[in-house]
């Protein structure tokens, strides 16, 4: 049981570090530092394509660095308060 918990913790930490390992993801995190934004806002601020931003936000959300909130047709993204809560 302890081994599987340890393995899960290591895998989650690897996800967290993967979140920091790409310049595009770091750019998105820096952009979100100013406050919650939509994908469109992030695209304008970073110069990345919409599909690229969406893919990177998925990764950042999976590792717990970014939180998202649905507002009607729009989703806003923000930095997660506690980083990776599962690590």
N, C-alpha and C. Protein backbone atom coordinates (compact mmCIF):
# COMPACT_ATOMS: atom_id res chain seq x y z
N UNK A 1 0.82 -1.19 0.00
CA UNK A 1 0.00 0.00 0.00
C UNK A 1 0.86 1.26 0.00
N UNK A 2 1.90 1.28 0.83
CA UNK A 2 2.78 2.45 0.88
C UNK A 2 3.52 2.65 -0.43
N UNK A 3 3.88 1.54 -1.09
CA UNK A 3 4.60 1.65 -2.36
C UNK A 3 3.70 2.29 -3.42
N UNK A 4 2.44 1.90 -3.49
CA UNK A 4 1.55 2.48 -4.49
C UNK A 4 1.30 3.96 -4.20
N UNK A 5 1.20 4.34 -2.94
CA UNK A 5 1.04 5.74 -2.57
C UNK A 5 2.29 6.54 -2.96
N UNK A 6 3.44 5.96 -2.73
CA UNK A 6 4.70 6.60 -3.09
C UNK A 6 4.79 6.78 -4.61
N UNK A 7 4.41 5.76 -5.36
CA UNK A 7 4.45 5.83 -6.82
C UNK A 7 3.49 6.91 -7.32
N UNK A 8 2.31 6.98 -6.73
CA UNK A 8 1.34 8.01 -7.13
C UNK A 8 1.90 9.41 -6.85
N UNK A 9 2.54 9.58 -5.71
CA UNK A 9 3.11 10.88 -5.36
C UNK A 9 4.21 11.27 -6.34
N UNK A 10 5.05 10.33 -6.72
CA UNK A 10 6.12 10.60 -7.68
C UNK A 10 5.54 10.96 -9.04
N UNK A 11 4.52 10.24 -9.47
CA UNK A 11 3.89 10.53 -10.75
C UNK A 11 3.26 11.92 -10.76
N UNK A 12 2.63 12.31 -9.67
CA UNK A 12 2.03 13.64 -9.58
C UNK A 12 3.10 14.73 -9.58
N UNK A 13 4.21 14.48 -8.91
CA UNK A 13 5.30 15.46 -8.93
C UNK A 13 5.88 15.59 -10.34
N UNK A 14 5.97 14.49 -11.05
CA UNK A 14 6.45 14.54 -12.44
C UNK A 14 5.52 15.39 -13.30
N UNK A 15 4.21 15.28 -13.07
CA UNK A 15 3.25 16.12 -13.79
C UNK A 15 3.48 17.59 -13.47
N UNK A 16 3.73 17.89 -12.21
CA UNK A 16 3.96 19.26 -11.79
C UNK A 16 5.19 19.82 -12.51
N UNK A 17 6.27 19.07 -12.50
CA UNK A 17 7.49 19.54 -13.16
C UNK A 17 7.31 19.66 -14.67
N UNK A 18 6.49 18.79 -15.25
CA UNK A 18 6.19 18.90 -16.67
C UNK A 18 5.48 20.23 -16.95
N UNK A 19 4.67 20.67 -16.01
CA UNK A 19 3.99 21.95 -16.16
C UNK A 19 4.96 23.12 -16.28
N UNK A 20 6.09 23.02 -15.62
CA UNK A 20 7.08 24.09 -15.64
C UNK A 20 8.13 23.92 -16.75
N UNK A 21 8.10 22.80 -17.45
CA UNK A 21 9.21 22.45 -18.34
C UNK A 21 9.12 23.04 -19.74
N UNK A 22 8.07 23.73 -20.08
CA UNK A 22 7.89 24.24 -21.44
C UNK A 22 7.78 25.76 -21.42
N UNK A 23 8.51 26.45 -22.31
CA UNK A 23 8.44 27.92 -22.34
C UNK A 23 7.03 28.46 -22.58
N UNK A 24 6.23 27.78 -23.38
CA UNK A 24 4.86 28.24 -23.62
C UNK A 24 4.03 28.16 -22.36
N UNK A 25 4.18 27.08 -21.60
CA UNK A 25 3.43 26.95 -20.34
C UNK A 25 3.89 28.00 -19.33
N UNK A 26 5.18 28.26 -19.29
CA UNK A 26 5.67 29.31 -18.39
C UNK A 26 5.12 30.67 -18.79
N UNK A 27 5.03 30.92 -20.08
CA UNK A 27 4.45 32.17 -20.57
C UNK A 27 2.99 32.31 -20.14
N UNK A 28 2.25 31.22 -20.24
CA UNK A 28 0.84 31.22 -19.82
C UNK A 28 0.74 31.48 -18.31
N UNK A 29 1.57 30.82 -17.54
CA UNK A 29 1.56 31.03 -16.08
C UNK A 29 1.89 32.49 -15.73
N UNK A 30 2.88 33.06 -16.41
CA UNK A 30 3.23 34.46 -16.19
C UNK A 30 2.05 35.38 -16.53
N UNK A 31 1.36 35.08 -17.62
CA UNK A 31 0.21 35.87 -18.05
C UNK A 31 -0.91 35.79 -17.02
N UNK A 32 -1.15 34.61 -16.48
CA UNK A 32 -2.21 34.43 -15.49
C UNK A 32 -1.87 35.04 -14.14
N UNK A 33 -0.61 35.40 -13.96
CA UNK A 33 -0.20 36.01 -12.70
C UNK A 33 -0.95 37.31 -12.44
N UNK A 34 -1.38 37.99 -13.50
CA UNK A 34 -2.09 39.26 -13.35
C UNK A 34 -3.57 39.07 -13.01
N UNK A 35 -4.08 37.84 -13.16
CA UNK A 35 -5.48 37.58 -12.82
C UNK A 35 -6.13 36.63 -13.80
N UNK A 36 -7.38 36.24 -13.54
CA UNK A 36 -8.09 35.29 -14.39
C UNK A 36 -8.28 35.82 -15.82
N UNK A 37 -8.15 34.93 -16.79
CA UNK A 37 -8.29 35.28 -18.20
C UNK A 37 -8.97 34.16 -18.97
N UNK A 38 -9.56 34.53 -20.10
CA UNK A 38 -10.10 33.53 -21.02
C UNK A 38 -8.99 33.07 -21.96
N UNK A 39 -9.25 32.02 -22.70
CA UNK A 39 -8.28 31.53 -23.68
C UNK A 39 -7.96 32.65 -24.68
N UNK A 40 -8.98 33.36 -25.12
CA UNK A 40 -8.78 34.46 -26.08
C UNK A 40 -7.83 35.51 -25.51
N UNK A 41 -8.01 35.87 -24.25
CA UNK A 41 -7.13 36.85 -23.61
C UNK A 41 -5.69 36.33 -23.54
N UNK A 42 -5.55 35.05 -23.22
CA UNK A 42 -4.21 34.45 -23.11
C UNK A 42 -3.54 34.40 -24.48
N UNK A 43 -4.32 34.07 -25.52
CA UNK A 43 -3.78 34.06 -26.88
C UNK A 43 -3.25 35.44 -27.25
N UNK A 44 -4.03 36.48 -26.96
CA UNK A 44 -3.61 37.85 -27.28
C UNK A 44 -2.35 38.24 -26.50
N UNK A 45 -2.27 37.85 -25.26
CA UNK A 45 -1.15 38.25 -24.41
C UNK A 45 0.14 37.49 -24.74
N UNK A 46 0.01 36.23 -25.17
CA UNK A 46 1.20 35.41 -25.38
C UNK A 46 1.62 35.30 -26.84
N UNK A 47 0.68 35.52 -27.76
CA UNK A 47 1.00 35.33 -29.18
C UNK A 47 0.96 33.88 -29.62
N UNK A 48 0.57 32.99 -28.74
CA UNK A 48 0.45 31.57 -29.08
C UNK A 48 -0.88 31.33 -29.79
N UNK A 49 -0.98 30.23 -30.52
CA UNK A 49 -2.25 29.91 -31.18
C UNK A 49 -3.28 29.44 -30.16
N UNK A 50 -4.54 29.53 -30.55
CA UNK A 50 -5.63 29.12 -29.65
C UNK A 50 -5.51 27.65 -29.29
N UNK A 51 -5.22 26.80 -30.27
CA UNK A 51 -5.13 25.36 -29.98
C UNK A 51 -3.93 25.07 -29.07
N UNK A 52 -2.83 25.78 -29.27
CA UNK A 52 -1.65 25.59 -28.44
C UNK A 52 -1.95 25.99 -27.00
N UNK A 53 -2.59 27.15 -26.81
CA UNK A 53 -2.95 27.61 -25.47
C UNK A 53 -3.89 26.61 -24.80
N UNK A 54 -4.90 26.15 -25.53
CA UNK A 54 -5.85 25.20 -24.96
C UNK A 54 -5.16 23.92 -24.52
N UNK A 55 -4.27 23.40 -25.35
CA UNK A 55 -3.54 22.18 -24.99
C UNK A 55 -2.67 22.38 -23.75
N UNK A 56 -1.96 23.49 -23.71
CA UNK A 56 -1.11 23.76 -22.55
C UNK A 56 -1.93 23.99 -21.29
N UNK A 57 -3.07 24.66 -21.41
CA UNK A 57 -3.94 24.85 -20.24
C UNK A 57 -4.44 23.51 -19.71
N UNK A 58 -4.69 22.56 -20.60
CA UNK A 58 -5.08 21.22 -20.16
C UNK A 58 -4.01 20.58 -19.31
N UNK A 59 -2.77 20.70 -19.77
CA UNK A 59 -1.64 20.16 -19.01
C UNK A 59 -1.50 20.86 -17.66
N UNK A 60 -1.58 22.18 -17.68
CA UNK A 60 -1.44 22.94 -16.44
C UNK A 60 -2.58 22.66 -15.46
N UNK A 61 -3.76 22.41 -15.99
CA UNK A 61 -4.90 22.04 -15.13
C UNK A 61 -4.69 20.65 -14.54
N UNK A 62 -4.22 19.71 -15.35
CA UNK A 62 -4.00 18.34 -14.88
C UNK A 62 -3.01 18.28 -13.71
N UNK A 63 -2.00 19.12 -13.74
CA UNK A 63 -1.01 19.07 -12.66
C UNK A 63 -1.35 20.02 -11.52
N UNK A 64 -2.50 20.67 -11.60
CA UNK A 64 -2.97 21.47 -10.48
C UNK A 64 -2.43 22.88 -10.42
N UNK A 65 -1.78 23.35 -11.47
CA UNK A 65 -1.24 24.71 -11.45
C UNK A 65 -2.26 25.76 -11.86
N UNK A 66 -3.28 25.34 -12.62
CA UNK A 66 -4.29 26.25 -13.13
C UNK A 66 -5.67 25.72 -12.78
N UNK A 67 -6.55 26.62 -12.35
CA UNK A 67 -7.95 26.28 -12.09
C UNK A 67 -8.80 26.93 -13.17
N UNK A 68 -9.96 26.35 -13.44
CA UNK A 68 -10.85 26.92 -14.45
C UNK A 68 -12.26 27.03 -13.90
N UNK A 69 -12.97 28.05 -14.40
CA UNK A 69 -14.35 28.28 -13.98
C UNK A 69 -15.19 28.59 -15.21
N UNK A 70 -16.34 27.92 -15.30
CA UNK A 70 -17.27 28.13 -16.41
C UNK A 70 -18.15 29.33 -16.11
N UNK A 71 -18.26 30.25 -17.08
CA UNK A 71 -19.13 31.41 -16.99
C UNK A 71 -19.95 31.47 -18.27
N UNK A 72 -21.07 30.77 -18.29
CA UNK A 72 -21.87 30.70 -19.51
C UNK A 72 -21.10 29.97 -20.59
N UNK A 73 -20.89 30.65 -21.72
CA UNK A 73 -20.14 30.04 -22.82
C UNK A 73 -18.64 30.14 -22.65
N UNK A 74 -18.21 30.92 -21.68
CA UNK A 74 -16.78 31.18 -21.52
C UNK A 74 -16.21 30.45 -20.30
N UNK A 75 -14.93 30.15 -20.40
CA UNK A 75 -14.20 29.56 -19.29
C UNK A 75 -13.06 30.51 -18.96
N UNK A 76 -12.93 30.85 -17.70
CA UNK A 76 -11.78 31.65 -17.29
C UNK A 76 -10.80 30.75 -16.56
N UNK A 77 -9.55 31.07 -16.74
CA UNK A 77 -8.46 30.31 -16.12
C UNK A 77 -7.73 31.24 -15.17
N UNK A 78 -7.27 30.67 -14.06
CA UNK A 78 -6.51 31.43 -13.07
C UNK A 78 -5.47 30.52 -12.46
N UNK A 79 -4.49 31.11 -11.83
CA UNK A 79 -3.50 30.31 -11.12
C UNK A 79 -4.19 29.63 -9.95
N UNK A 80 -3.88 28.37 -9.74
CA UNK A 80 -4.43 27.66 -8.59
C UNK A 80 -3.75 28.20 -7.34
N UNK A 81 -4.49 28.37 -6.29
CA UNK A 81 -3.97 28.99 -5.06
C UNK A 81 -2.87 28.17 -4.44
N UNK A 82 -3.05 26.86 -4.39
CA UNK A 82 -2.11 26.04 -3.64
C UNK A 82 -1.14 25.27 -4.52
N UNK A 83 -1.05 25.59 -5.81
CA UNK A 83 -0.16 24.81 -6.68
C UNK A 83 -0.74 23.44 -6.90
N UNK A 84 0.06 22.45 -6.75
CA UNK A 84 -0.38 21.08 -6.98
C UNK A 84 -0.84 20.46 -5.67
N UNK A 85 -2.16 20.41 -5.41
CA UNK A 85 -2.66 19.97 -4.11
C UNK A 85 -2.42 18.49 -3.83
N UNK A 86 -2.12 17.72 -4.83
CA UNK A 86 -1.95 16.29 -4.64
C UNK A 86 -0.50 15.90 -4.40
N UNK A 87 0.41 16.86 -4.44
CA UNK A 87 1.83 16.54 -4.28
C UNK A 87 2.26 16.63 -2.83
